[in-house]
Amino acid sequence: METDNKRRALGRGLEELFNNEPINYEQVEERIINETPKDAIENIKLNELHANPYQPRKVFDQEALNELAASIKEHGVIQPIIVKKGIKGYEIIAGERRVKASTIAGLEEIPAIIRDFNDQEMMEIALLENLQRENLNAVEEANAYKKLQENLNLTQEELAKRLGKSRSHITNMLGLLTLPTSIQSMIESKDLSMAHARVLSKLESKEQQEFLANKIVKEGISVHELENMTSSSKDFTRRNKVTKKKDTNEYKYLEEALNEKLGTKVKVKSNKIEISFVNVNDLNRILEIMNLNESGN
């Protein structure tokens, strides 16, 4: 009876599992693995596996896959993947990188946990795994936020809170999706930086956005130069800004700057700076931005 209750609990959507707490993908996967008896983990042939149709990542780092494949050759697949039985074979819910790396390593089978998730839950888990574990490019990340926001019916403020991100980070990322597809392609190929793209997304005219994007790539215009160009010139029209109420927090400007820089919620109060992070991977991401590692070097 207890096992049946656990299985039913795992079948609920993430919204129901975590209520209003920050969503942490690692908790989802850890719960599934911990509540699955060892004898319920099956070895599934790699050629029976199919990608999750809701997987936001379209480009996989080949070098990183080769490194993972080398580790798998030496140690095997340490953590089972999670799959759903499909019409033909199985659909990967979590662990597509492990599947690709195992194929490179020459394996024929991989340990897997079979779960009967519905389409909505498959989308939620795929999005969370990539947002909290992988280095998505900016456009992939923005699309993941959009799908997660729509899927869980959340406001930008609620989504930011659930993911442990700053509201400004979510807003800026979603703003990238308003850019022409040609500019989004430049971001994906890293010809255009995220900072440049944020400035461009504030402009009304698509033609001006494309003109400036090409100018940035050709002439190497800095973000600071672009800001000055678009804010001081009458030739460029910015989107209407919402007037904000005056904030009495004297460090508000610093909080906003750190929120933007680190992509997470930062509070400055009582002579302290508080930086929020979701999990170890998110902490490592923040430390990398700060040019630090866990040892402080």
C-alpha atoms as a PDB file:
ATOM      1  CA  MET A   1       0.000   0.000   0.000  1.00  0.00           C
ATOM      2  CA  GLU A   2       2.821   2.352   0.891  1.00  0.00           C
ATOM      3  CA  THR A   3       4.501   1.728  -2.483  1.00  0.00           C
ATOM      4  CA  ASP A   4       1.235   2.519  -4.296  1.00  0.00           C
ATOM      5  CA  ASN A   5       0.970   5.808  -2.402  1.00  0.00           C
ATOM      6  CA  LYS A   6       4.535   6.711  -3.373  1.00  0.00           C
ATOM      7  CA  ARG A   7       3.861   5.921  -7.009  1.00  0.00           C
ATOM      8  CA  ARG A   8       0.747   8.108  -6.958  1.00  0.00           C
ATOM      9  CA  ALA A   9       2.726  10.943  -5.370  1.00  0.00           C
ATOM     10  CA  LEU A  10       5.345  10.742  -8.107  1.00  0.00           C
ATOM     11  CA  GLY A  11       2.611  10.946 -10.709  1.00  0.00           C
ATOM     12  CA  ARG A  12       1.534  14.416  -9.607  1.00  0.00           C
ATOM     13  CA  GLY A  13       2.711  17.536 -11.429  1.00  0.00           C
ATOM     14  CA  LEU A  14       5.560  19.596 -10.053  1.00  0.00           C
ATOM     15  CA  GLU A  15       3.149  22.353  -9.062  1.00  0.00           C
ATOM     16  CA  GLU A  16       1.414  19.929  -6.689  1.00  0.00           C
ATOM     17  CA  LEU A  17       4.646  18.328  -5.468  1.00  0.00           C
ATOM     18  CA  PHE A  18       6.318  21.553  -4.412  1.00  0.00           C
ATOM     19  CA  ASN A  19       3.382  23.912  -3.770  1.00  0.00           C
ATOM     20  CA  ASN A  20       4.895  27.400  -3.439  1.00  0.00           C
ATOM     21  CA  GLU A  21       8.452  26.353  -2.598  1.00  0.00           C
ATOM     22  CA  PRO A  22      11.311  26.958  -5.053  1.00  0.00           C
ATOM     23  CA  ILE A  23      11.354  24.170  -7.636  1.00  0.00           C
ATOM     24  CA  ASN A  24      14.561  22.136  -7.552  1.00  0.00           C
ATOM     25  CA  TYR A  25      15.053  19.546 -10.280  1.00  0.00           C
ATOM     26  CA  GLU A  26      17.573  17.575  -8.234  1.00  0.00           C
ATOM     27  CA  GLN A  27      14.924  17.016  -5.552  1.00  0.00           C
ATOM     28  CA  VAL A  28      12.550  15.609  -8.167  1.00  0.00           C
ATOM     29  CA  GLU A  29      15.116  13.181  -9.578  1.00  0.00           C
ATOM     30  CA  GLU A  30      16.464  12.290  -6.130  1.00  0.00           C
ATOM     31  CA  ARG A  31      12.952  11.533  -4.886  1.00  0.00           C
ATOM     32  CA  ILE A  32      12.220   9.288  -7.849  1.00  0.00           C
ATOM     33  CA  ILE A  33      15.513   7.390  -7.462  1.00  0.00           C
ATOM     34  CA  ASN A  34      15.253   7.040  -3.672  1.00  0.00           C
ATOM     35  CA  GLU A  35      11.682   5.784  -3.841  1.00  0.00           C
ATOM     36  CA  THR A  36      12.437   3.242  -6.560  1.00  0.00           C
ATOM     37  CA  PRO A  37      13.512  -0.213  -5.286  1.00  0.00           C
ATOM     38  CA  LYS A  38      16.824  -1.389  -6.733  1.00  0.00           C
ATOM     39  CA  ASP A  39      15.161  -4.383  -8.341  1.00  0.00           C
ATOM     40  CA  ALA A  40      12.765  -2.029 -10.164  1.00  0.00           C
ATOM     41  CA  ILE A  41      15.640  -0.404 -12.109  1.00  0.00           C
ATOM     42  CA  GLU A  42      15.811  -2.024 -15.540  1.00  0.00           C
ATOM     43  CA  ASN A  43      18.482  -2.171 -18.220  1.00  0.00           C
ATOM     44  CA  ILE A  44      17.011  -0.823 -21.450  1.00  0.00           C
ATOM     45  CA  LYS A  45      18.605  -1.093 -24.897  1.00  0.00           C
ATOM     46  CA  LEU A  46      19.843   2.273 -26.143  1.00  0.00           C
ATOM     47  CA  ASN A  47      18.264   1.721 -29.558  1.00  0.00           C
ATOM     48  CA  GLU A  48      14.835   1.572 -27.888  1.00  0.00           C
ATOM     49  CA  LEU A  49      15.166   5.091 -26.468  1.00  0.00           C
ATOM     50  CA  HIS A  50      13.734   8.233 -28.067  1.00  0.00           C
ATOM     51  CA  ALA A  51      14.321  11.881 -27.140  1.00  0.00           C
ATOM     52  CA  ASN A  52      11.796  13.719 -24.995  1.00  0.00           C
ATOM     53  CA  PRO A  53       9.771  15.834 -27.478  1.00  0.00           C
ATOM     54  CA  TYR A  54       9.764  18.636 -24.882  1.00  0.00           C
ATOM     55  CA  GLN A  55      13.550  18.713 -24.542  1.00  0.00           C
ATOM     56  CA  PRO A  56      14.504  22.426 -24.857  1.00  0.00           C
ATOM     57  CA  ARG A  57      18.161  21.720 -25.651  1.00  0.00           C
ATOM     58  CA  LYS A  58      18.753  21.400 -29.370  1.00  0.00           C
ATOM     59  CA  VAL A  59      22.566  21.639 -29.372  1.00  0.00           C
ATOM     60  CA  PHE A  60      24.754  19.380 -27.226  1.00  0.00           C
ATOM     61  CA  ASP A  61      28.400  20.199 -26.459  1.00  0.00           C
ATOM     62  CA  GLN A  62      30.337  17.437 -28.212  1.00  0.00           C
ATOM     63  CA  GLU A  63      33.440  17.888 -26.069  1.00  0.00           C
ATOM     64  CA  ALA A  64      31.405  17.601 -22.866  1.00  0.00           C
ATOM     65  CA  LEU A  65      29.669  14.481 -24.234  1.00  0.00           C
ATOM     66  CA  ASN A  66      33.044  12.916 -25.025  1.00  0.00           C
ATOM     67  CA  GLU A  67      34.251  13.632 -21.473  1.00  0.00           C
ATOM     68  CA  LEU A  68      31.109  12.055 -20.036  1.00  0.00           C
ATOM     69  CA  ALA A  69      31.532   9.065 -22.383  1.00  0.00           C
ATOM     70  CA  ALA A  70      35.102   8.563 -21.107  1.00  0.00           C
ATOM     71  CA  SER A  71      33.815   8.624 -17.513  1.00  0.00           C
ATOM     72  CA  ILE A  72      31.077   6.126 -18.379  1.00  0.00           C
ATOM     73  CA  LYS A  73      33.637   3.807 -19.995  1.00  0.00           C
ATOM     74  CA  GLU A  74      35.629   3.828 -16.770  1.00  0.00           C
ATOM     75  CA  HIS A  75      32.906   3.902 -14.111  1.00  0.00           C
ATOM     76  CA  GLY A  76      29.691   2.953 -15.932  1.00  0.00           C
ATOM     77  CA  VAL A  77      26.420   4.897 -15.725  1.00  0.00           C
ATOM     78  CA  ILE A  78      26.204   5.782 -12.035  1.00  0.00           C
ATOM     79  CA  GLN A  79      22.734   7.324 -12.013  1.00  0.00           C
ATOM     80  CA  PRO A  80      19.840   5.684 -13.906  1.00  0.00           C
ATOM     81  CA  ILE A  81      17.921   7.687 -16.476  1.00  0.00           C
ATOM     82  CA  ILE A  82      14.152   8.153 -16.169  1.00  0.00           C
ATOM     83  CA  VAL A  83      11.922   7.074 -19.053  1.00  0.00           C
ATOM     84  CA  LYS A  84       8.294   6.661 -20.043  1.00  0.00           C
ATOM     85  CA  LYS A  85       6.958   3.689 -22.002  1.00  0.00           C
ATOM     86  CA  GLY A  86       5.954   4.838 -25.475  1.00  0.00           C
ATOM     87  CA  ILE A  87       4.157   3.299 -28.415  1.00  0.00           C
ATOM     88  CA  LYS A  88       7.532   2.188 -29.755  1.00  0.00           C
ATOM     89  CA  GLY A  89      10.234   1.817 -27.151  1.00  0.00           C
ATOM     90  CA  TYR A  90      10.701   4.470 -24.452  1.00  0.00           C
ATOM     91  CA  GLU A  91      10.772   8.272 -24.282  1.00  0.00           C
ATOM     92  CA  ILE A  92      13.538   9.855 -22.223  1.00  0.00           C
ATOM     93  CA  ILE A  93      12.180  12.011 -19.408  1.00  0.00           C
ATOM     94  CA  ALA A  94      15.547  12.829 -17.818  1.00  0.00           C
ATOM     95  CA  GLY A  95      19.117  11.892 -18.770  1.00  0.00           C
ATOM     96  CA  GLU A  96      19.437  12.481 -22.501  1.00  0.00           C
ATOM     97  CA  ARG A  97      23.117  13.474 -22.132  1.00  0.00           C
ATOM     98  CA  ARG A  98      23.808  10.155 -20.366  1.00  0.00           C
ATOM     99  CA  VAL A  99      22.116   8.332 -23.251  1.00  0.00           C
ATOM    100  CA  LYS A 100      24.145  10.145 -25.912  1.00  0.00           C
ATOM    101  CA  ALA A 101      27.394   9.659 -23.965  1.00  0.00           C
ATOM    102  CA  SER A 102      26.629   5.971 -23.388  1.00  0.00           C
ATOM    103  CA  THR A 103      26.164   5.537 -27.146  1.00  0.00           C
ATOM    104  CA  ILE A 104      29.553   7.181 -27.750  1.00  0.00           C
ATOM    105  CA  ALA A 105      31.069   4.900 -25.086  1.00  0.00           C
ATOM    106  CA  GLY A 106      29.848   1.880 -27.039  1.00  0.00           C
ATOM    107  CA  LEU A 107      27.275   0.654 -24.508  1.00  0.00           C
ATOM    108  CA  GLU A 108      24.232  -1.255 -25.676  1.00  0.00           C
ATOM    109  CA  GLU A 109      22.110  -0.833 -22.553  1.00  0.00           C
ATOM    110  CA  ILE A 110      21.582   1.759 -19.823  1.00  0.00           C
ATOM    111  CA  PRO A 111      19.976   1.499 -16.347  1.00  0.00           C
ATOM    112  CA  ALA A 112      16.562   3.172 -16.306  1.00  0.00           C
ATOM    113  CA  ILE A 113      13.579   3.863 -14.093  1.00  0.00           C
ATOM    114  CA  ILE A 114      10.232   3.630 -15.900  1.00  0.00           C
ATOM    115  CA  ARG A 115       7.594   6.144 -14.832  1.00  0.00           C
ATOM    116  CA  ASP A 116       4.157   6.828 -16.243  1.00  0.00           C
ATOM    117  CA  PHE A 117       4.303  10.636 -16.480  1.00  0.00           C
ATOM    118  CA  ASN A 118       1.827  12.583 -18.582  1.00  0.00           C
ATOM    119  CA  ASP A 119       2.887  15.063 -21.280  1.00  0.00           C
ATOM    120  CA  GLN A 120       2.691  18.078 -18.951  1.00  0.00           C
ATOM    121  CA  GLU A 121       4.923  16.435 -16.342  1.00  0.00           C
ATOM    122  CA  MET A 122       7.410  15.336 -19.030  1.00  0.00           C
ATOM    123  CA  MET A 123       7.670  18.939 -20.203  1.00  0.00           C
ATOM    124  CA  GLU A 124       8.124  20.292 -16.664  1.00  0.00           C
ATOM    125  CA  ILE A 125      10.880  17.824 -15.785  1.00  0.00           C
ATOM    126  CA  ALA A 126      12.751  18.278 -19.079  1.00  0.00           C
ATOM    127  CA  LEU A 127      12.677  22.061 -18.695  1.00  0.00           C
ATOM    128  CA  LEU A 128      13.814  21.968 -15.080  1.00  0.00           C
ATOM    129  CA  GLU A 129      16.646  19.511 -15.733  1.00  0.00           C
ATOM    130  CA  ASN A 130      18.055  21.761 -18.430  1.00  0.00           C
ATOM    131  CA  LEU A 131      17.531  25.030 -16.572  1.00  0.00           C
ATOM    132  CA  GLN A 132      19.184  23.828 -13.376  1.00  0.00           C
ATOM    133  CA  ARG A 133      21.770  21.375 -14.692  1.00  0.00           C
ATOM    134  CA  GLU A 134      22.844  22.355 -18.173  1.00  0.00           C
ATOM    135  CA  ASN A 135      24.349  25.458 -19.754  1.00  0.00           C
ATOM    136  CA  LEU A 136      21.599  26.335 -22.207  1.00  0.00           C
ATOM    137  CA  ASN A 137      22.303  29.129 -24.652  1.00  0.00           C
ATOM    138  CA  ALA A 138      20.356  32.317 -23.932  1.00  0.00           C
ATOM    139  CA  VAL A 139      17.579  31.646 -26.459  1.00  0.00           C
ATOM    140  CA  GLU A 140      17.074  28.048 -25.251  1.00  0.00           C
ATOM    141  CA  GLU A 141      16.937  29.335 -21.680  1.00  0.00           C
ATOM    142  CA  ALA A 142      14.391  32.007 -22.614  1.00  0.00           C
ATOM    143  CA  ASN A 143      12.183  29.452 -24.383  1.00  0.00           C
ATOM    144  CA  ALA A 144      12.413  27.166 -21.346  1.00  0.00           C
ATOM    145  CA  TYR A 145      11.243  30.009 -19.077  1.00  0.00           C
ATOM    146  CA  LYS A 146       8.364  30.790 -21.413  1.00  0.00           C
ATOM    147  CA  LYS A 147       7.180  27.176 -21.585  1.00  0.00           C
ATOM    148  CA  LEU A 148       7.509  26.708 -17.833  1.00  0.00           C
ATOM    149  CA  GLN A 149       5.647  29.958 -17.160  1.00  0.00           C
ATOM    150  CA  GLU A 150       2.815  28.971 -19.488  1.00  0.00           C
ATOM    151  CA  ASN A 151       2.734  25.374 -18.292  1.00  0.00           C
ATOM    152  CA  LEU A 152       2.484  26.278 -14.595  1.00  0.00           C
ATOM    153  CA  ASN A 153       0.404  29.413 -15.280  1.00  0.00           C
ATOM    154  CA  LEU A 154       2.787  31.693 -13.362  1.00  0.00           C
ATOM    155  CA  THR A 155       3.503  35.414 -13.508  1.00  0.00           C
ATOM    156  CA  GLN A 156       7.110  36.488 -14.135  1.00  0.00           C
ATOM    157  CA  GLU A 157       7.412  37.383 -10.453  1.00  0.00           C
ATOM    158  CA  GLU A 158       6.130  33.938  -9.393  1.00  0.00           C
ATOM    159  CA  LEU A 159       8.386  32.153 -11.888  1.00  0.00           C
ATOM    160  CA  ALA A 160      11.427  34.080 -10.623  1.00  0.00           C
ATOM    161  CA  LYS A 161      10.584  33.120  -7.034  1.00  0.00           C
ATOM    162  CA  ARG A 162      10.059  29.451  -7.922  1.00  0.00           C
ATOM    163  CA  LEU A 163      13.397  29.229  -9.749  1.00  0.00           C
ATOM    164  CA  GLY A 164      15.407  31.340  -7.311  1.00  0.00           C
ATOM    165  CA  LYS A 165      16.139  33.899 -10.033  1.00  0.00           C
ATOM    166  CA  SER A 166      15.744  37.669 -10.031  1.00  0.00           C
ATOM    167  CA  ARG A 167      12.640  39.135 -11.659  1.00  0.00           C
ATOM    168  CA  SER A 168      14.817  41.319 -13.895  1.00  0.00           C
ATOM    169  CA  HIS A 169      16.715  38.229 -15.143  1.00  0.00           C
ATOM    170  CA  ILE A 170      13.463  36.481 -16.142  1.00  0.00           C
ATOM    171  CA  THR A 171      12.134  39.664 -17.787  1.00  0.00           C
ATOM    172  CA  ASN A 172      15.344  40.245 -19.736  1.00  0.00           C
ATOM    173  CA  MET A 173      15.531  36.630 -20.880  1.00  0.00           C
ATOM    174  CA  LEU A 174      11.911  36.595 -22.074  1.00  0.00           C
ATOM    175  CA  GLY A 175      12.612  39.892 -23.852  1.00  0.00           C
ATOM    176  CA  LEU A 176      15.027  38.037 -26.139  1.00  0.00           C
ATOM    177  CA  LEU A 177      12.097  36.143 -27.645  1.00  0.00           C
ATOM    178  CA  THR A 178      10.682  39.411 -28.987  1.00  0.00           C
ATOM    179  CA  LEU A 179      13.790  39.855 -31.154  1.00  0.00           C
ATOM    180  CA  PRO A 180      13.752  38.817 -34.837  1.00  0.00           C
ATOM    181  CA  THR A 181      14.791  35.201 -35.453  1.00  0.00           C
ATOM    182  CA  SER A 182      17.897  36.426 -37.303  1.00  0.00           C
ATOM    183  CA  ILE A 183      19.132  38.110 -34.106  1.00  0.00           C
ATOM    184  CA  GLN A 184      18.193  35.090 -31.983  1.00  0.00           C
ATOM    185  CA  SER A 185      20.387  33.005 -34.307  1.00  0.00           C
ATOM    186  CA  MET A 186      23.279  35.425 -33.686  1.00  0.00           C
ATOM    187  CA  ILE A 187      22.820  34.923 -29.929  1.00  0.00           C
ATOM    188  CA  GLU A 188      22.753  31.130 -30.303  1.00  0.00           C
ATOM    189  CA  SER A 189      25.942  31.168 -32.367  1.00  0.00           C
ATOM    190  CA  LYS A 190      27.508  33.594 -29.828  1.00  0.00           C
ATOM    191  CA  ASP A 191      28.137  36.209 -32.525  1.00  0.00           C
ATOM    192  CA  LEU A 192      26.043  38.551 -30.379  1.00  0.00           C
ATOM    193  CA  SER A 193      26.377  38.771 -26.593  1.00  0.00           C
ATOM    194  CA  MET A 194      23.486  38.535 -24.164  1.00  0.00           C
ATOM    195  CA  ALA A 195      24.231  42.074 -22.945  1.00  0.00           C
ATOM    196  CA  HIS A 196      24.011  43.472 -26.493  1.00  0.00           C
ATOM    197  CA  ALA A 197      20.775  41.565 -27.082  1.00  0.00           C
ATOM    198  CA  ARG A 198      19.194  43.019 -23.927  1.00  0.00           C
ATOM    199  CA  VAL A 199      19.769  46.547 -25.204  1.00  0.00           C
ATOM    200  CA  LEU A 200      18.377  45.669 -28.644  1.00  0.00           C
ATOM    201  CA  SER A 201      15.251  44.095 -27.109  1.00  0.00           C
ATOM    202  CA  LYS A 202      14.333  47.498 -25.631  1.00  0.00           C
ATOM    203  CA  LEU A 203      13.958  49.029 -29.104  1.00  0.00           C
ATOM    204  CA  GLU A 204      10.562  49.198 -30.827  1.00  0.00           C
ATOM    205  CA  SER A 205      11.659  48.783 -34.448  1.00  0.00           C
ATOM    206  CA  LYS A 206      12.623  45.331 -35.747  1.00  0.00           C
ATOM    207  CA  GLU A 207      14.461  46.996 -38.628  1.00  0.00           C
ATOM    208  CA  GLN A 208      16.559  49.062 -36.206  1.00  0.00           C
ATOM    209  CA  GLN A 209      17.272  45.970 -34.122  1.00  0.00           C
ATOM    210  CA  GLU A 210      18.546  44.053 -37.166  1.00  0.00           C
ATOM    211  CA  PHE A 211      20.530  47.066 -38.444  1.00  0.00           C
ATOM    212  CA  LEU A 212      22.288  47.495 -35.096  1.00  0.00           C
ATOM    213  CA  ALA A 213      22.859  43.753 -34.621  1.00  0.00           C
ATOM    214  CA  ASN A 214      24.740  43.574 -37.928  1.00  0.00           C
ATOM    215  CA  LYS A 215      26.630  46.756 -37.048  1.00  0.00           C
ATOM    216  CA  ILE A 216      27.693  45.253 -33.679  1.00  0.00           C
ATOM    217  CA  VAL A 217      29.021  42.104 -35.365  1.00  0.00           C
ATOM    218  CA  LYS A 218      30.848  43.980 -38.141  1.00  0.00           C
ATOM    219  CA  GLU A 219      32.256  46.892 -36.144  1.00  0.00           C
ATOM    220  CA  GLY A 220      32.650  45.384 -32.663  1.00  0.00           C
ATOM    221  CA  ILE A 221      30.510  48.018 -30.912  1.00  0.00           C
ATOM    222  CA  SER A 222      30.652  47.660 -27.112  1.00  0.00           C
ATOM    223  CA  VAL A 223      27.563  47.377 -24.915  1.00  0.00           C
ATOM    224  CA  HIS A 224      28.309  50.786 -23.391  1.00  0.00           C
ATOM    225  CA  GLU A 225      28.554  52.362 -26.846  1.00  0.00           C
ATOM    226  CA  LEU A 226      25.307  50.701 -27.885  1.00  0.00           C
ATOM    227  CA  GLU A 227      23.533  51.986 -24.759  1.00  0.00           C
ATOM    228  CA  ASN A 228      24.710  55.535 -25.444  1.00  0.00           C
ATOM    229  CA  MET A 229      23.806  55.271 -29.116  1.00  0.00           C
ATOM    230  CA  THR A 230      20.241  54.056 -28.541  1.00  0.00           C
ATOM    231  CA  SER A 231      19.404  56.230 -25.519  1.00  0.00           C
ATOM    232  CA  SER A 232      20.811  59.561 -26.703  1.00  0.00           C
ATOM    233  CA  SER A 233      19.924  59.469 -30.395  1.00  0.00           C
ATOM    234  CA  LYS A 234      16.468  60.529 -31.641  1.00  0.00           C
ATOM    235  CA  ASP A 235      16.880  57.989 -34.450  1.00  0.00           C
ATOM    236  CA  PHE A 236      16.150  55.096 -32.096  1.00  0.00           C
ATOM    237  CA  THR A 237      12.824  54.649 -30.304  1.00  0.00           C
ATOM    238  CA  ARG A 238      12.744  52.628 -27.095  1.00  0.00           C
ATOM    239  CA  ARG A 239       9.734  50.708 -25.834  1.00  0.00           C
ATOM    240  CA  ASN A 240       7.604  52.562 -23.312  1.00  0.00           C
ATOM    241  CA  LYS A 241       8.879  52.071 -19.783  1.00  0.00           C
ATOM    242  CA  VAL A 242       6.606  51.580 -16.794  1.00  0.00           C
ATOM    243  CA  THR A 243       7.191  54.274 -14.187  1.00  0.00           C
ATOM    244  CA  LYS A 244       8.215  52.673 -10.908  1.00  0.00           C
ATOM    245  CA  LYS A 245       7.432  53.980  -7.453  1.00  0.00           C
ATOM    246  CA  LYS A 246      10.385  55.453  -5.661  1.00  0.00           C
ATOM    247  CA  ASP A 247      12.137  52.859  -3.517  1.00  0.00           C
ATOM    248  CA  THR A 248      13.449  53.932  -0.129  1.00  0.00           C
ATOM    249  CA  ASN A 249      16.134  51.229  -0.152  1.00  0.00           C
ATOM    250  CA  GLU A 250      19.387  53.148  -0.660  1.00  0.00           C
ATOM    251  CA  TYR A 251      21.059  50.011  -2.019  1.00  0.00           C
ATOM    252  CA  LYS A 252      18.317  49.250  -4.559  1.00  0.00           C
ATOM    253  CA  TYR A 253      20.534  50.262  -7.483  1.00  0.00           C
ATOM    254  CA  LEU A 254      23.231  47.873  -6.249  1.00  0.00           C
ATOM    255  CA  GLU A 255      20.737  45.026  -5.784  1.00  0.00           C
ATOM    256  CA  GLU A 256      19.447  45.499  -9.333  1.00  0.00           C
ATOM    257  CA  ALA A 257      22.969  45.581 -10.750  1.00  0.00           C
ATOM    258  CA  LEU A 258      23.938  42.368  -8.910  1.00  0.00           C
ATOM    259  CA  ASN A 259      20.614  40.708  -9.840  1.00  0.00           C
ATOM    260  CA  GLU A 260      21.367  41.453 -13.468  1.00  0.00           C
ATOM    261  CA  LYS A 261      25.013  40.386 -13.296  1.00  0.00           C
ATOM    262  CA  LEU A 262      24.478  37.115 -11.394  1.00  0.00           C
ATOM    263  CA  GLY A 263      21.047  36.166 -12.744  1.00  0.00           C
ATOM    264  CA  THR A 264      19.708  35.464  -9.261  1.00  0.00           C
ATOM    265  CA  LYS A 265      18.047  37.257  -6.355  1.00  0.00           C
ATOM    266  CA  VAL A 266      20.413  39.478  -4.351  1.00  0.00           C
ATOM    267  CA  LYS A 267      19.570  41.452  -1.190  1.00  0.00           C
ATOM    268  CA  VAL A 268      21.734  44.157   0.373  1.00  0.00           C
ATOM    269  CA  LYS A 269      20.767  44.968   3.953  1.00  0.00           C
ATOM    270  CA  SER A 270      22.257  45.378   7.421  1.00  0.00           C
ATOM    271  CA  ASN A 271      25.771  45.677   5.971  1.00  0.00           C
ATOM    272  CA  LYS A 272      25.391  42.249   4.338  1.00  0.00           C
ATOM    273  CA  ILE A 273      24.974  40.971   0.795  1.00  0.00           C
ATOM    274  CA  GLU A 274      22.705  37.902   0.469  1.00  0.00           C
ATOM    275  CA  ILE A 275      22.982  35.926  -2.777  1.00  0.00           C
ATOM    276  CA  SER A 276      20.352  33.247  -3.430  1.00  0.00           C
ATOM    277  CA  PHE A 277      21.082  30.003  -5.293  1.00  0.00           C
ATOM    278  CA  VAL A 278      18.955  26.938  -6.060  1.00  0.00           C
ATOM    279  CA  ASN A 279      21.512  24.134  -5.753  1.00  0.00           C
ATOM    280  CA  VAL A 280      25.233  23.343  -6.037  1.00  0.00           C
ATOM    281  CA  ASN A 281      25.175  23.655  -9.825  1.00  0.00           C
ATOM    282  CA  ASP A 282      23.571  27.077  -9.590  1.00  0.00           C
ATOM    283  CA  LEU A 283      26.146  28.092  -6.944  1.00  0.00           C
ATOM    284  CA  ASN A 284      28.978  26.984  -9.231  1.00  0.00           C
ATOM    285  CA  ARG A 285      27.431  29.042 -12.056  1.00  0.00           C
ATOM    286  CA  ILE A 286      27.413  32.143  -9.824  1.00  0.00           C
ATOM    287  CA  LEU A 287      30.983  31.516  -8.623  1.00  0.00           C
ATOM    288  CA  GLU A 288      32.112  31.180 -12.231  1.00  0.00           C
ATOM    289  CA  ILE A 289      30.591  34.585 -13.047  1.00  0.00           C
ATOM    290  CA  MET A 290      32.485  35.981 -10.039  1.00  0.00           C
ATOM    291  CA  ASN A 291      35.689  34.270 -11.241  1.00  0.00           C
ATOM    292  CA  LEU A 292      35.775  32.107  -8.107  1.00  0.00           C
ATOM    293  CA  ASN A 293      35.570  28.400  -7.373  1.00  0.00           C
ATOM    294  CA  GLU A 294      34.291  26.552  -4.295  1.00  0.00           C
ATOM    295  CA  SER A 295      37.696  26.816  -2.621  1.00  0.00           C
ATOM    296  CA  GLY A 296      37.585  30.595  -2.985  1.00  0.00           C
ATOM    297  CA  ASN A 297      40.406  30.780  -5.552  1.00  0.00           C
END
